[in-house]
N, C-alpha and C. Protein backbone atom coordinates (compact mmCIF):
# COMPACT_ATOMS: atom_id res chain seq x y z
N GLN A 1 14.25 -4.48 -12.89
CA GLN A 1 13.26 -3.83 -13.74
C GLN A 1 13.30 -4.45 -15.13
N VAL A 2 12.12 -4.61 -15.72
CA VAL A 2 11.99 -5.22 -17.03
C VAL A 2 11.46 -4.18 -18.01
N GLN A 3 12.08 -4.11 -19.17
CA GLN A 3 11.57 -3.26 -20.24
C GLN A 3 11.10 -4.15 -21.38
N LEU A 4 9.91 -3.85 -21.88
CA LEU A 4 9.33 -4.61 -22.99
C LEU A 4 9.12 -3.67 -24.18
N VAL A 5 9.56 -4.10 -25.35
CA VAL A 5 9.41 -3.29 -26.56
C VAL A 5 8.74 -4.13 -27.64
N GLU A 6 7.56 -3.69 -28.06
CA GLU A 6 6.82 -4.38 -29.11
C GLU A 6 7.23 -3.85 -30.49
N SER A 7 7.12 -4.71 -31.48
CA SER A 7 7.35 -4.31 -32.87
C SER A 7 6.53 -5.22 -33.78
N GLY A 8 6.43 -4.80 -35.05
CA GLY A 8 5.76 -5.64 -36.03
C GLY A 8 4.37 -5.20 -36.40
N GLY A 9 3.86 -4.18 -35.73
CA GLY A 9 2.54 -3.70 -36.07
C GLY A 9 2.53 -2.99 -37.42
N GLY A 10 1.33 -2.66 -37.91
CA GLY A 10 1.23 -1.97 -39.18
C GLY A 10 -0.16 -2.04 -39.75
N LEU A 11 -0.25 -1.72 -41.02
CA LEU A 11 -1.53 -1.73 -41.74
C LEU A 11 -1.57 -2.96 -42.64
N VAL A 12 -2.66 -3.70 -42.56
CA VAL A 12 -2.80 -4.90 -43.36
C VAL A 12 -4.25 -5.03 -43.80
N GLN A 13 -4.48 -5.66 -44.93
CA GLN A 13 -5.84 -5.88 -45.40
C GLN A 13 -6.48 -7.05 -44.66
N ALA A 14 -7.79 -7.04 -44.60
CA ALA A 14 -8.52 -8.14 -43.99
C ALA A 14 -8.13 -9.46 -44.67
N GLY A 15 -7.93 -10.48 -43.85
CA GLY A 15 -7.49 -11.76 -44.35
C GLY A 15 -5.99 -11.94 -44.34
N GLY A 16 -5.27 -10.86 -44.10
CA GLY A 16 -3.82 -10.91 -44.09
C GLY A 16 -3.25 -11.36 -42.76
N SER A 17 -1.92 -11.29 -42.68
CA SER A 17 -1.21 -11.75 -41.49
C SER A 17 -0.18 -10.73 -41.04
N LEU A 18 0.10 -10.78 -39.76
CA LEU A 18 1.18 -9.99 -39.17
C LEU A 18 1.81 -10.81 -38.06
N ARG A 19 3.07 -10.52 -37.79
CA ARG A 19 3.75 -11.16 -36.67
C ARG A 19 4.30 -10.07 -35.76
N LEU A 20 3.81 -10.07 -34.55
CA LEU A 20 4.30 -9.12 -33.55
C LEU A 20 5.41 -9.77 -32.74
N SER A 21 6.35 -8.94 -32.33
CA SER A 21 7.43 -9.39 -31.45
C SER A 21 7.47 -8.50 -30.22
N CYS A 22 7.90 -9.07 -29.12
CA CYS A 22 8.09 -8.33 -27.89
C CYS A 22 9.44 -8.72 -27.31
N ALA A 23 10.37 -7.78 -27.36
CA ALA A 23 11.70 -8.04 -26.86
C ALA A 23 11.84 -7.48 -25.45
N ALA A 24 12.37 -8.30 -24.57
CA ALA A 24 12.53 -7.90 -23.18
C ALA A 24 13.99 -7.63 -22.86
N SER A 25 14.21 -6.67 -22.00
CA SER A 25 15.56 -6.39 -21.52
C SER A 25 15.49 -6.06 -20.04
N GLY A 26 16.63 -6.09 -19.42
CA GLY A 26 16.69 -5.77 -18.01
C GLY A 26 16.74 -6.97 -17.11
N ARG A 27 16.18 -8.07 -17.58
CA ARG A 27 16.18 -9.29 -16.79
C ARG A 27 15.84 -10.46 -17.70
N THR A 28 16.39 -11.59 -17.41
CA THR A 28 16.05 -12.79 -18.18
C THR A 28 14.63 -13.22 -17.83
N LEU A 29 13.83 -13.45 -18.86
CA LEU A 29 12.42 -13.73 -18.63
C LEU A 29 12.08 -15.20 -18.68
N GLY A 30 13.09 -16.03 -18.51
CA GLY A 30 12.84 -17.46 -18.64
C GLY A 30 11.82 -17.99 -17.65
N SER A 31 11.65 -17.33 -16.51
CA SER A 31 10.69 -17.82 -15.52
C SER A 31 9.43 -16.97 -15.45
N TYR A 32 9.26 -16.04 -16.37
CA TYR A 32 8.12 -15.13 -16.36
C TYR A 32 7.06 -15.60 -17.35
N SER A 33 5.80 -15.49 -16.97
CA SER A 33 4.75 -15.69 -17.96
C SER A 33 4.69 -14.43 -18.85
N MET A 34 4.26 -14.64 -20.08
CA MET A 34 4.21 -13.55 -21.06
C MET A 34 2.86 -13.58 -21.76
N GLY A 35 2.50 -12.45 -22.34
CA GLY A 35 1.23 -12.46 -23.06
C GLY A 35 0.97 -11.16 -23.80
N TRP A 36 -0.17 -11.15 -24.46
CA TRP A 36 -0.58 -10.00 -25.26
C TRP A 36 -2.01 -9.59 -24.89
N PHE A 37 -2.20 -8.27 -24.90
CA PHE A 37 -3.53 -7.68 -24.76
C PHE A 37 -3.70 -6.69 -25.91
N HIS A 38 -4.93 -6.33 -26.21
CA HIS A 38 -5.13 -5.24 -27.15
C HIS A 38 -6.21 -4.30 -26.64
N GLN A 39 -6.14 -3.08 -27.16
CA GLN A 39 -7.09 -2.05 -26.75
C GLN A 39 -7.47 -1.21 -27.95
N ALA A 40 -8.75 -1.25 -28.28
CA ALA A 40 -9.29 -0.42 -29.34
C ALA A 40 -9.75 0.91 -28.75
N PRO A 41 -9.89 1.92 -29.59
CA PRO A 41 -10.32 3.23 -29.09
C PRO A 41 -11.62 3.15 -28.30
N GLU A 42 -11.62 3.77 -27.13
CA GLU A 42 -12.79 3.87 -26.27
C GLU A 42 -13.27 2.51 -25.76
N LYS A 43 -12.38 1.52 -25.77
CA LYS A 43 -12.71 0.21 -25.22
C LYS A 43 -11.69 -0.17 -24.17
N GLU A 44 -12.07 -1.14 -23.33
CA GLU A 44 -11.14 -1.61 -22.30
C GLU A 44 -10.06 -2.50 -22.93
N ARG A 45 -8.95 -2.57 -22.21
CA ARG A 45 -7.89 -3.46 -22.65
C ARG A 45 -8.38 -4.90 -22.51
N GLU A 46 -8.15 -5.68 -23.56
CA GLU A 46 -8.73 -7.02 -23.65
C GLU A 46 -7.64 -8.06 -23.82
N PHE A 47 -7.82 -9.19 -23.15
CA PHE A 47 -6.86 -10.28 -23.23
C PHE A 47 -6.85 -10.89 -24.64
N VAL A 48 -5.64 -11.15 -25.16
CA VAL A 48 -5.49 -11.78 -26.46
C VAL A 48 -4.90 -13.18 -26.33
N ALA A 49 -3.73 -13.27 -25.71
CA ALA A 49 -3.06 -14.57 -25.63
C ALA A 49 -2.04 -14.56 -24.51
N ALA A 50 -1.75 -15.73 -23.98
CA ALA A 50 -0.76 -15.85 -22.92
C ALA A 50 0.00 -17.15 -23.06
N ILE A 51 1.20 -17.16 -22.48
CA ILE A 51 2.04 -18.35 -22.54
C ILE A 51 2.80 -18.47 -21.23
N THR A 52 2.90 -19.68 -20.70
CA THR A 52 3.63 -19.88 -19.46
C THR A 52 5.13 -19.78 -19.70
N TRP A 53 5.90 -19.76 -18.61
CA TRP A 53 7.33 -19.52 -18.74
C TRP A 53 8.01 -20.59 -19.59
N SER A 54 7.52 -21.82 -19.52
CA SER A 54 8.15 -22.90 -20.28
C SER A 54 7.65 -22.98 -21.70
N GLY A 55 6.54 -22.31 -21.97
CA GLY A 55 5.92 -22.43 -23.29
C GLY A 55 5.00 -23.62 -23.43
N ALA A 56 4.86 -24.39 -22.36
CA ALA A 56 4.08 -25.62 -22.45
C ALA A 56 2.58 -25.36 -22.50
N VAL A 57 2.15 -24.25 -21.94
CA VAL A 57 0.72 -23.96 -21.88
C VAL A 57 0.45 -22.60 -22.51
N THR A 58 -0.55 -22.56 -23.38
CA THR A 58 -0.97 -21.30 -23.98
C THR A 58 -2.47 -21.13 -23.77
N ASN A 59 -2.90 -19.89 -23.84
CA ASN A 59 -4.31 -19.57 -23.63
C ASN A 59 -4.66 -18.41 -24.56
N TYR A 60 -5.88 -18.43 -25.10
CA TYR A 60 -6.27 -17.42 -26.07
C TYR A 60 -7.64 -16.84 -25.74
N GLY A 61 -7.82 -15.58 -26.11
CA GLY A 61 -9.13 -14.98 -26.01
C GLY A 61 -10.07 -15.59 -27.06
N ALA A 62 -11.35 -15.56 -26.77
CA ALA A 62 -12.31 -16.21 -27.64
C ALA A 62 -12.31 -15.62 -29.05
N SER A 63 -12.07 -14.33 -29.16
CA SER A 63 -12.15 -13.68 -30.47
C SER A 63 -10.97 -14.00 -31.38
N VAL A 64 -9.88 -14.53 -30.82
CA VAL A 64 -8.69 -14.79 -31.64
C VAL A 64 -8.32 -16.26 -31.70
N SER A 65 -8.97 -17.08 -30.90
CA SER A 65 -8.64 -18.51 -30.86
C SER A 65 -8.79 -19.12 -32.25
N GLY A 66 -7.76 -19.86 -32.66
CA GLY A 66 -7.76 -20.49 -33.97
C GLY A 66 -7.15 -19.63 -35.05
N ARG A 67 -6.93 -18.35 -34.78
CA ARG A 67 -6.33 -17.44 -35.77
C ARG A 67 -4.97 -16.92 -35.33
N PHE A 68 -4.77 -16.77 -34.04
CA PHE A 68 -3.52 -16.23 -33.50
C PHE A 68 -2.75 -17.34 -32.79
N THR A 69 -1.42 -17.22 -32.83
CA THR A 69 -0.56 -18.18 -32.13
C THR A 69 0.51 -17.42 -31.36
N ILE A 70 0.62 -17.73 -30.09
CA ILE A 70 1.67 -17.12 -29.26
C ILE A 70 2.80 -18.11 -29.09
N SER A 71 4.02 -17.60 -29.08
CA SER A 71 5.19 -18.44 -28.86
C SER A 71 6.27 -17.59 -28.19
N ARG A 72 7.29 -18.26 -27.70
CA ARG A 72 8.37 -17.52 -27.07
C ARG A 72 9.70 -18.21 -27.33
N ASP A 73 10.75 -17.40 -27.29
CA ASP A 73 12.12 -17.89 -27.41
C ASP A 73 12.86 -17.34 -26.20
N ASN A 74 13.01 -18.14 -25.18
CA ASN A 74 13.64 -17.66 -23.94
C ASN A 74 15.11 -17.32 -24.14
N ALA A 75 15.75 -17.96 -25.09
CA ALA A 75 17.15 -17.64 -25.36
C ALA A 75 17.30 -16.22 -25.91
N LYS A 76 16.25 -15.76 -26.60
CA LYS A 76 16.27 -14.41 -27.17
C LYS A 76 15.47 -13.42 -26.32
N ASN A 77 14.89 -13.91 -25.23
CA ASN A 77 14.07 -13.04 -24.36
C ASN A 77 12.96 -12.36 -25.15
N THR A 78 12.31 -13.13 -26.02
CA THR A 78 11.33 -12.56 -26.93
C THR A 78 10.08 -13.43 -26.99
N VAL A 79 8.94 -12.77 -27.06
CA VAL A 79 7.68 -13.47 -27.26
C VAL A 79 7.07 -12.97 -28.57
N TYR A 80 6.36 -13.85 -29.26
CA TYR A 80 5.81 -13.53 -30.56
C TYR A 80 4.29 -13.74 -30.56
N LEU A 81 3.64 -13.03 -31.46
CA LEU A 81 2.22 -13.25 -31.71
C LEU A 81 2.02 -13.30 -33.21
N GLN A 82 1.79 -14.50 -33.72
CA GLN A 82 1.50 -14.68 -35.14
C GLN A 82 0.00 -14.51 -35.33
N MET A 83 -0.38 -13.54 -36.13
CA MET A 83 -1.79 -13.24 -36.35
C MET A 83 -2.14 -13.55 -37.80
N THR A 84 -3.12 -14.38 -38.02
CA THR A 84 -3.57 -14.72 -39.36
C THR A 84 -5.07 -14.46 -39.49
N SER A 85 -5.54 -14.49 -40.72
CA SER A 85 -6.96 -14.24 -41.00
C SER A 85 -7.46 -13.00 -40.26
N LEU A 86 -6.70 -11.95 -40.36
CA LEU A 86 -7.02 -10.73 -39.61
C LEU A 86 -8.34 -10.12 -40.08
N LYS A 87 -9.04 -9.54 -39.12
CA LYS A 87 -10.33 -8.91 -39.36
C LYS A 87 -10.27 -7.44 -38.96
N PRO A 88 -11.12 -6.61 -39.54
CA PRO A 88 -11.12 -5.19 -39.13
C PRO A 88 -11.32 -5.01 -37.62
N GLU A 89 -12.05 -5.90 -36.99
CA GLU A 89 -12.26 -5.77 -35.54
C GLU A 89 -11.02 -6.12 -34.72
N ASP A 90 -9.97 -6.62 -35.37
CA ASP A 90 -8.69 -6.83 -34.67
C ASP A 90 -7.90 -5.52 -34.54
N THR A 91 -8.36 -4.48 -35.19
CA THR A 91 -7.67 -3.20 -35.14
C THR A 91 -7.61 -2.69 -33.70
N ALA A 92 -6.39 -2.42 -33.24
CA ALA A 92 -6.18 -2.00 -31.86
C ALA A 92 -4.69 -1.74 -31.64
N VAL A 93 -4.38 -1.21 -30.49
CA VAL A 93 -3.00 -1.18 -30.03
C VAL A 93 -2.76 -2.47 -29.26
N TYR A 94 -1.68 -3.14 -29.62
CA TYR A 94 -1.36 -4.43 -29.00
C TYR A 94 -0.22 -4.22 -28.00
N TYR A 95 -0.45 -4.70 -26.79
CA TYR A 95 0.50 -4.55 -25.69
C TYR A 95 1.04 -5.89 -25.25
N CYS A 96 2.31 -5.91 -25.00
CA CYS A 96 2.98 -7.08 -24.43
C CYS A 96 3.01 -6.94 -22.91
N ALA A 97 2.82 -8.04 -22.21
CA ALA A 97 2.86 -8.03 -20.75
C ALA A 97 3.71 -9.18 -20.25
N SER A 98 4.27 -8.97 -19.08
CA SER A 98 5.11 -9.99 -18.46
C SER A 98 4.82 -10.04 -16.96
N ASP A 99 4.86 -11.23 -16.41
CA ASP A 99 4.52 -11.37 -15.00
C ASP A 99 5.43 -12.40 -14.33
N PRO A 100 6.17 -11.97 -13.30
CA PRO A 100 7.07 -12.90 -12.61
C PRO A 100 6.37 -13.77 -11.57
N ALA A 101 5.10 -13.41 -11.25
CA ALA A 101 4.45 -14.07 -10.12
C ALA A 101 3.28 -14.98 -10.51
N ARG A 102 2.71 -14.78 -11.69
CA ARG A 102 1.53 -15.57 -12.08
C ARG A 102 1.86 -16.51 -13.23
N ALA A 103 1.16 -17.60 -13.30
CA ALA A 103 1.38 -18.56 -14.39
C ALA A 103 0.88 -18.00 -15.71
N ILE A 104 -0.14 -17.15 -15.64
CA ILE A 104 -0.71 -16.53 -16.84
C ILE A 104 -0.84 -15.03 -16.58
N VAL A 105 -0.49 -14.22 -17.56
CA VAL A 105 -0.59 -12.77 -17.38
C VAL A 105 -2.04 -12.35 -17.24
N THR A 106 -2.23 -11.27 -16.53
CA THR A 106 -3.54 -10.65 -16.36
C THR A 106 -3.38 -9.14 -16.52
N ARG A 107 -4.48 -8.42 -16.41
CA ARG A 107 -4.43 -6.96 -16.50
C ARG A 107 -3.61 -6.37 -15.35
N SER A 108 -3.43 -7.14 -14.31
CA SER A 108 -2.67 -6.66 -13.15
C SER A 108 -1.19 -7.04 -13.22
N SER A 109 -0.77 -7.60 -14.33
CA SER A 109 0.63 -8.03 -14.45
C SER A 109 1.58 -6.85 -14.30
N ALA A 110 2.78 -7.18 -13.90
CA ALA A 110 3.72 -6.15 -13.44
C ALA A 110 4.31 -5.29 -14.55
N TYR A 111 4.60 -5.91 -15.69
CA TYR A 111 5.37 -5.20 -16.71
C TYR A 111 4.61 -5.13 -18.03
N TRP A 112 4.70 -3.94 -18.65
CA TRP A 112 3.98 -3.69 -19.91
C TRP A 112 4.86 -2.93 -20.88
N GLY A 113 4.66 -3.22 -22.17
CA GLY A 113 5.30 -2.44 -23.19
C GLY A 113 4.47 -1.21 -23.53
N GLN A 114 4.97 -0.42 -24.48
CA GLN A 114 4.30 0.81 -24.89
C GLN A 114 3.22 0.57 -25.94
N GLY A 115 3.24 -0.58 -26.55
CA GLY A 115 2.21 -0.92 -27.52
C GLY A 115 2.64 -0.70 -28.95
N THR A 116 2.01 -1.46 -29.85
CA THR A 116 2.22 -1.30 -31.29
C THR A 116 0.86 -1.33 -31.97
N GLN A 117 0.67 -0.42 -32.92
CA GLN A 117 -0.63 -0.28 -33.57
C GLN A 117 -0.79 -1.32 -34.67
N VAL A 118 -1.93 -1.98 -34.66
CA VAL A 118 -2.32 -2.89 -35.74
C VAL A 118 -3.62 -2.35 -36.33
N THR A 119 -3.61 -2.12 -37.63
CA THR A 119 -4.80 -1.63 -38.32
C THR A 119 -5.13 -2.58 -39.45
N VAL A 120 -6.36 -3.07 -39.44
CA VAL A 120 -6.81 -4.01 -40.47
C VAL A 120 -7.90 -3.33 -41.29
N SER A 121 -7.63 -3.17 -42.57
CA SER A 121 -8.59 -2.50 -43.44
C SER A 121 -9.51 -3.52 -44.10
N SER A 122 -10.74 -3.09 -44.35
CA SER A 122 -11.73 -4.00 -44.95
C SER A 122 -11.68 -3.95 -46.47
């Protein structure tokens, strides 16, 4: 069993930056794909970013491409999401996901964190 715990969320002004972290426990995630999704009130959970187990391949949602960067440190069992040039529409709960079976995480991925709130004020 894998437990994922997100941290780093908070309130930031538009144009600012935040760095989210997702720490995993219960199993070494060196062979798992990792990623981030977000969900705004009354909206579906939306893909943000993903990274393969080696870190060699990353993928981003259209709304965050060029502003967000995903990375991972397998030695620390942690994945990061560096968010820059934040916009009010980035406001959402951000969830970390992990998948032992797919190269890229999806909404059907096996493991999820509880989420961390990101609020961007205008």
